């Protein structure tokens, strides 16, 4: 799953640890999502969207769509 998480995080000058703390996950989880090695759960995807005040679809995109 492609995503814009790194771009959104960088625009706020947050480190991966900063974002992880706000989402209640590990820095490794944020890294794995950003590098597209891990797809977030639906609850986590909603949490990310709420944090960045946007829709899930604006952040995450299925491969091949």
N, C-alpha and C. Protein backbone atom coordinates (compact mmCIF):
# COMPACT_ATOMS: atom_id res chain seq x y z
N UNK A 1 0.84 -1.18 0.00
CA UNK A 1 0.00 0.00 0.00
C UNK A 1 0.89 1.24 0.00
N UNK A 2 0.68 2.09 -0.97
CA UNK A 2 1.43 3.34 -1.05
C UNK A 2 0.86 4.33 -0.05
N UNK A 3 1.71 5.24 0.43
CA UNK A 3 1.20 6.23 1.37
C UNK A 3 2.05 7.50 1.34
N UNK A 4 1.48 8.56 1.92
CA UNK A 4 2.12 9.87 1.98
C UNK A 4 2.55 10.21 3.40
N UNK A 5 2.68 9.21 4.25
CA UNK A 5 2.95 9.46 5.66
C UNK A 5 4.25 10.23 5.87
N UNK A 6 5.31 9.82 5.21
CA UNK A 6 6.61 10.50 5.37
C UNK A 6 6.49 11.98 4.98
N UNK A 7 5.82 12.23 3.88
CA UNK A 7 5.63 13.61 3.38
C UNK A 7 4.84 14.45 4.39
N UNK A 8 3.76 13.90 4.91
CA UNK A 8 2.94 14.63 5.88
C UNK A 8 3.70 14.88 7.18
N UNK A 9 4.44 13.87 7.61
CA UNK A 9 5.23 14.00 8.85
C UNK A 9 6.32 15.06 8.67
N UNK A 10 7.01 15.02 7.55
CA UNK A 10 8.09 15.97 7.29
C UNK A 10 7.57 17.41 7.21
N UNK A 11 6.38 17.59 6.66
CA UNK A 11 5.80 18.93 6.55
C UNK A 11 5.58 19.57 7.93
N UNK A 12 5.45 18.74 8.94
CA UNK A 12 5.28 19.24 10.31
C UNK A 12 6.59 19.19 11.11
N UNK A 13 7.65 18.80 10.45
CA UNK A 13 8.98 18.70 11.08
C UNK A 13 8.96 17.76 12.28
N UNK A 14 8.17 16.68 12.17
CA UNK A 14 8.12 15.66 13.22
C UNK A 14 9.08 14.54 12.88
N UNK A 15 9.73 14.01 13.89
CA UNK A 15 10.53 12.81 13.70
C UNK A 15 9.59 11.60 13.69
N UNK A 16 10.11 10.46 13.30
CA UNK A 16 9.31 9.24 13.37
C UNK A 16 8.89 8.98 14.81
N UNK A 17 9.77 9.27 15.75
CA UNK A 17 9.44 9.07 17.17
C UNK A 17 8.32 10.00 17.62
N UNK A 18 8.35 11.26 17.14
CA UNK A 18 7.28 12.21 17.47
C UNK A 18 5.93 11.68 17.00
N UNK A 19 5.89 11.22 15.76
CA UNK A 19 4.65 10.70 15.20
C UNK A 19 4.21 9.44 15.94
N UNK A 20 5.16 8.56 16.21
CA UNK A 20 4.85 7.32 16.92
C UNK A 20 4.22 7.61 18.28
N UNK A 21 4.78 8.57 19.00
CA UNK A 21 4.25 8.95 20.31
C UNK A 21 2.80 9.43 20.19
N UNK A 22 2.51 10.23 19.19
CA UNK A 22 1.16 10.76 19.01
C UNK A 22 0.16 9.68 18.61
N UNK A 23 0.66 8.64 17.94
CA UNK A 23 -0.23 7.56 17.48
C UNK A 23 -0.30 6.40 18.48
N UNK A 24 0.62 6.39 19.44
CA UNK A 24 0.64 5.30 20.41
C UNK A 24 1.21 4.01 19.84
N UNK A 25 2.16 4.16 18.91
CA UNK A 25 2.83 2.99 18.32
C UNK A 25 4.34 3.19 18.44
N UNK A 26 5.10 2.20 18.03
CA UNK A 26 6.57 2.31 18.08
C UNK A 26 7.10 3.07 16.88
N UNK A 27 8.31 3.60 17.02
CA UNK A 27 8.97 4.27 15.89
C UNK A 27 9.16 3.28 14.76
N UNK A 28 9.43 2.02 15.11
CA UNK A 28 9.62 0.99 14.09
C UNK A 28 8.35 0.79 13.26
N UNK A 29 7.19 0.91 13.91
CA UNK A 29 5.92 0.79 13.18
C UNK A 29 5.77 1.92 12.18
N UNK A 30 6.08 3.13 12.60
CA UNK A 30 6.01 4.29 11.70
C UNK A 30 6.97 4.08 10.53
N UNK A 31 8.18 3.63 10.80
CA UNK A 31 9.15 3.37 9.75
C UNK A 31 8.65 2.31 8.78
N UNK A 32 8.08 1.24 9.30
CA UNK A 32 7.59 0.16 8.44
C UNK A 32 6.44 0.62 7.56
N UNK A 33 5.57 1.48 8.09
CA UNK A 33 4.48 2.02 7.27
C UNK A 33 5.04 2.93 6.19
N UNK A 34 5.95 3.81 6.57
CA UNK A 34 6.53 4.75 5.60
C UNK A 34 7.28 4.05 4.48
N UNK A 35 7.93 2.95 4.80
CA UNK A 35 8.70 2.22 3.78
C UNK A 35 7.86 1.15 3.09
N UNK A 36 6.55 1.17 3.37
CA UNK A 36 5.58 0.28 2.73
C UNK A 36 5.86 -1.19 2.99
N UNK A 37 6.44 -1.48 4.16
CA UNK A 37 6.67 -2.87 4.56
C UNK A 37 5.56 -3.38 5.47
N UNK A 38 4.68 -2.46 5.89
CA UNK A 38 3.60 -2.81 6.80
C UNK A 38 2.38 -1.95 6.49
N UNK A 39 1.23 -2.58 6.36
CA UNK A 39 -0.02 -1.85 6.16
C UNK A 39 -0.67 -1.66 7.52
N UNK A 40 -1.05 -0.44 7.86
CA UNK A 40 -1.64 -0.20 9.17
C UNK A 40 -3.02 -0.85 9.28
N UNK A 41 -3.41 -1.17 10.50
CA UNK A 41 -4.77 -1.64 10.74
C UNK A 41 -5.73 -0.51 10.42
N UNK A 42 -6.98 -0.85 10.24
CA UNK A 42 -7.98 0.18 9.96
C UNK A 42 -8.08 1.20 11.10
N UNK A 43 -8.12 0.75 12.37
CA UNK A 43 -8.15 1.75 13.44
C UNK A 43 -6.94 2.69 13.43
N UNK A 44 -5.76 2.15 13.13
CA UNK A 44 -4.56 2.99 13.08
C UNK A 44 -4.64 3.95 11.88
N UNK A 45 -5.13 3.48 10.76
CA UNK A 45 -5.28 4.35 9.59
C UNK A 45 -6.23 5.51 9.90
N UNK A 46 -7.33 5.23 10.61
CA UNK A 46 -8.24 6.31 11.01
C UNK A 46 -7.55 7.29 11.96
N UNK A 47 -6.75 6.76 12.86
CA UNK A 47 -6.03 7.61 13.81
C UNK A 47 -5.07 8.54 13.08
N UNK A 48 -4.36 8.00 12.09
CA UNK A 48 -3.44 8.79 11.28
C UNK A 48 -4.20 9.89 10.55
N UNK A 49 -5.31 9.52 9.93
CA UNK A 49 -6.11 10.50 9.17
C UNK A 49 -6.63 11.62 10.08
N UNK A 50 -7.10 11.25 11.27
CA UNK A 50 -7.58 12.27 12.20
C UNK A 50 -6.45 13.20 12.63
N UNK A 51 -5.28 12.62 12.90
CA UNK A 51 -4.14 13.42 13.34
C UNK A 51 -3.76 14.46 12.28
N UNK A 52 -3.78 14.05 11.02
CA UNK A 52 -3.40 14.96 9.94
C UNK A 52 -4.59 15.71 9.35
N UNK A 53 -5.78 15.52 9.96
CA UNK A 53 -7.00 16.23 9.54
C UNK A 53 -7.27 16.06 8.05
N UNK A 54 -7.25 14.81 7.61
CA UNK A 54 -7.53 14.49 6.22
C UNK A 54 -8.19 13.12 6.16
N UNK A 55 -8.52 12.68 4.98
CA UNK A 55 -9.16 11.38 4.83
C UNK A 55 -8.11 10.28 4.69
N UNK A 56 -8.52 9.08 4.99
CA UNK A 56 -7.63 7.93 4.81
C UNK A 56 -7.16 7.85 3.36
N UNK A 57 -8.08 8.10 2.42
CA UNK A 57 -7.76 8.01 1.00
C UNK A 57 -6.71 9.03 0.56
N UNK A 58 -6.61 10.15 1.28
CA UNK A 58 -5.60 11.16 0.97
C UNK A 58 -4.21 10.72 1.42
N UNK A 59 -4.15 9.75 2.32
CA UNK A 59 -2.87 9.30 2.86
C UNK A 59 -2.46 7.95 2.27
N UNK A 60 -3.41 7.04 2.21
CA UNK A 60 -3.11 5.66 1.78
C UNK A 60 -3.78 5.35 0.45
N UNK A 61 -3.04 4.61 -0.38
CA UNK A 61 -3.55 4.23 -1.70
C UNK A 61 -3.16 2.77 -1.97
N UNK A 62 -4.15 2.00 -2.39
CA UNK A 62 -3.86 0.59 -2.69
C UNK A 62 -2.96 0.51 -3.93
N UNK A 63 -2.00 -0.40 -3.92
CA UNK A 63 -1.16 -0.63 -5.09
C UNK A 63 -2.03 -1.11 -6.25
N UNK A 64 -1.75 -0.60 -7.42
CA UNK A 64 -2.47 -1.05 -8.61
C UNK A 64 -3.78 -0.36 -8.86
N UNK A 65 -4.18 0.55 -8.00
CA UNK A 65 -5.44 1.28 -8.22
C UNK A 65 -5.19 2.54 -9.01
